[in-house]
Amino acid sequence: MHNTSAATYLAVILILVGLRLILPPVEAICKADDYCPYGWNVKRKANLDPTTCDPTAAVKCEKPYQCVHSHCGMSFCCVQEKRFKQWLEAKEIAEEMENDSDDSDERKSDTQEL
């Protein structure tokens, strides 16, 4: 009986070692360079953690970020640097136009009161 249990333990150990050699290692934690492709930036939370996303969700990431699957097996909200700059510029222009519209509405109401 003692020999049977030793043989069982040896078989289990050999199986585990064999699986370890066959299967690629799994990284549980991504390095910062692995979050997004080169030239892309990851969206950070208030505590500076990277924002992960669910590729199957209806809304994956806030605009202009996209849900990108990384090499380490997780998905992150990422944006191309060039696209982010273009989005910021467009947002600033839209805000300026809205402010100009609000200013002209105020001027119209001021002249109507006179």
Protein backbone atom coordinates (compact mmCIF):
# COMPACT_ATOMS: atom_id res chain seq x y z
CA MET A 1 0.00 0.00 0.00
CA HIS A 2 2.86 2.34 0.77
CA ASN A 3 4.35 1.75 -2.69
CA THR A 4 1.04 2.55 -4.39
CA SER A 5 0.70 5.96 -2.73
CA ALA A 6 4.32 6.83 -3.55
CA ALA A 7 3.74 5.85 -7.17
CA THR A 8 0.59 7.98 -7.24
CA TYR A 9 2.45 11.01 -5.88
CA LEU A 10 5.24 10.48 -8.39
CA ALA A 11 2.73 10.24 -11.25
CA VAL A 12 0.97 13.45 -10.15
CA ILE A 13 4.29 15.28 -9.91
CA LEU A 14 5.34 14.08 -13.36
CA ILE A 15 2.01 15.17 -14.84
CA LEU A 16 2.29 18.63 -13.27
CA VAL A 17 5.87 19.05 -14.49
CA GLY A 18 4.83 17.88 -17.95
CA LEU A 19 1.94 20.37 -18.06
CA ARG A 20 4.24 23.16 -16.93
CA LEU A 21 6.63 22.36 -19.78
CA ILE A 22 3.87 22.13 -22.38
CA LEU A 23 1.69 25.10 -21.41
CA PRO A 24 3.03 28.64 -21.77
CA PRO A 25 3.39 30.60 -18.55
CA VAL A 26 0.46 32.82 -17.65
CA GLU A 27 1.21 36.35 -16.52
CA ALA A 28 -1.32 37.51 -13.97
CA ILE A 29 -0.02 41.06 -13.95
CA CYS A 30 0.66 43.14 -17.04
CA LYS A 31 3.61 45.50 -17.24
CA ALA A 32 2.75 49.11 -18.08
CA ASP A 33 4.34 48.71 -21.53
CA ASP A 34 1.98 45.80 -22.26
CA TYR A 35 -1.31 47.67 -21.63
CA CYS A 36 -1.56 49.24 -25.08
CA PRO A 37 0.27 49.01 -28.42
CA TYR A 38 3.23 51.29 -29.11
CA GLY A 39 2.06 54.86 -29.74
CA TRP A 40 -1.11 54.37 -27.68
CA ASN A 41 -1.90 55.51 -24.12
CA VAL A 42 -3.96 53.74 -21.50
CA LYS A 43 -6.82 55.54 -19.74
CA ARG A 44 -6.00 55.96 -16.05
CA LYS A 45 -8.43 56.01 -13.14
CA ALA A 46 -8.25 58.64 -10.38
CA ASN A 47 -5.93 56.33 -8.41
CA LEU A 48 -3.73 55.97 -11.56
CA ASP A 49 -4.68 52.31 -12.12
CA PRO A 50 -5.19 51.42 -15.79
CA THR A 51 -8.82 51.20 -16.93
CA THR A 52 -9.80 47.70 -18.03
CA CYS A 53 -12.73 46.99 -20.32
CA ASP A 54 -15.08 44.22 -21.35
CA PRO A 55 -14.91 43.67 -25.12
CA THR A 56 -18.42 42.18 -25.08
CA ALA A 57 -20.07 45.15 -23.35
CA ALA A 58 -22.23 47.60 -25.30
CA VAL A 59 -20.17 50.57 -24.07
CA LYS A 60 -16.61 49.42 -23.73
CA CYS A 61 -14.68 52.65 -23.03
CA GLU A 62 -15.41 56.37 -22.85
CA LYS A 63 -14.70 58.35 -26.03
CA PRO A 64 -12.12 58.58 -27.56
CA TYR A 65 -10.70 55.39 -25.98
CA GLN A 66 -11.05 51.94 -27.55
CA CYS A 67 -11.08 48.55 -25.87
CA VAL A 68 -7.80 46.87 -26.85
CA HIS A 69 -6.83 43.30 -25.98
CA SER A 70 -3.25 43.23 -24.70
CA HIS A 71 -0.51 40.62 -24.96
CA CYS A 72 -0.96 39.68 -21.30
CA GLY A 73 -4.54 38.54 -21.88
CA MET A 74 -6.41 41.53 -20.41
CA SER A 75 -8.29 44.31 -22.23
CA PHE A 76 -7.60 47.98 -21.55
CA CYS A 77 -9.09 51.31 -22.66
CA CYS A 78 -6.45 52.76 -24.99
CA VAL A 79 -6.21 55.65 -27.43
CA GLN A 80 -3.72 56.56 -30.16
CA GLU A 81 -1.76 59.66 -29.15
CA LYS A 82 -2.55 61.42 -32.46
CA ARG A 83 -6.26 60.62 -32.24
CA PHE A 84 -6.39 61.83 -28.62
CA LYS A 85 -4.86 65.19 -29.57
CA GLN A 86 -7.35 65.56 -32.45
CA TRP A 87 -10.24 64.70 -30.11
CA LEU A 88 -9.07 67.26 -27.52
CA GLU A 89 -8.80 69.97 -30.19
CA ALA A 90 -12.28 69.18 -31.53
CA LYS A 91 -13.69 69.21 -27.98
CA GLU A 92 -12.09 72.60 -27.24
CA ILE A 93 -13.47 74.07 -30.48
CA ALA A 94 -16.96 72.74 -29.67
CA GLU A 95 -16.77 74.25 -26.18
CA GLU A 96 -15.63 77.60 -27.59
CA MET A 97 -18.49 77.59 -30.09
CA GLU A 98 -20.95 76.77 -27.31
CA ASN A 99 -19.56 79.58 -25.15
CA ASP A 100 -19.77 82.01 -28.09
CA SER A 101 -23.37 80.95 -28.66
CA ASP A 102 -24.19 81.49 -24.99
CA ASP A 103 -22.54 84.94 -25.09
CA SER A 104 -24.53 85.99 -28.16
CA ASP A 105 -27.77 84.77 -26.54
CA GLU A 106 -26.98 86.87 -23.46
CA ARG A 107 -26.29 89.93 -25.62
CA LYS A 108 -29.61 89.47 -27.43
CA SER A 109 -31.52 89.24 -24.16
CA ASP A 110 -29.69 92.32 -22.80
CA THR A 111 -30.65 94.40 -25.85
CA GLN A 112 -34.25 93.20 -25.69
CA GLU A 113 -34.53 94.35 -22.06
CA LEU A 114 -33.50 97.88 -23.01
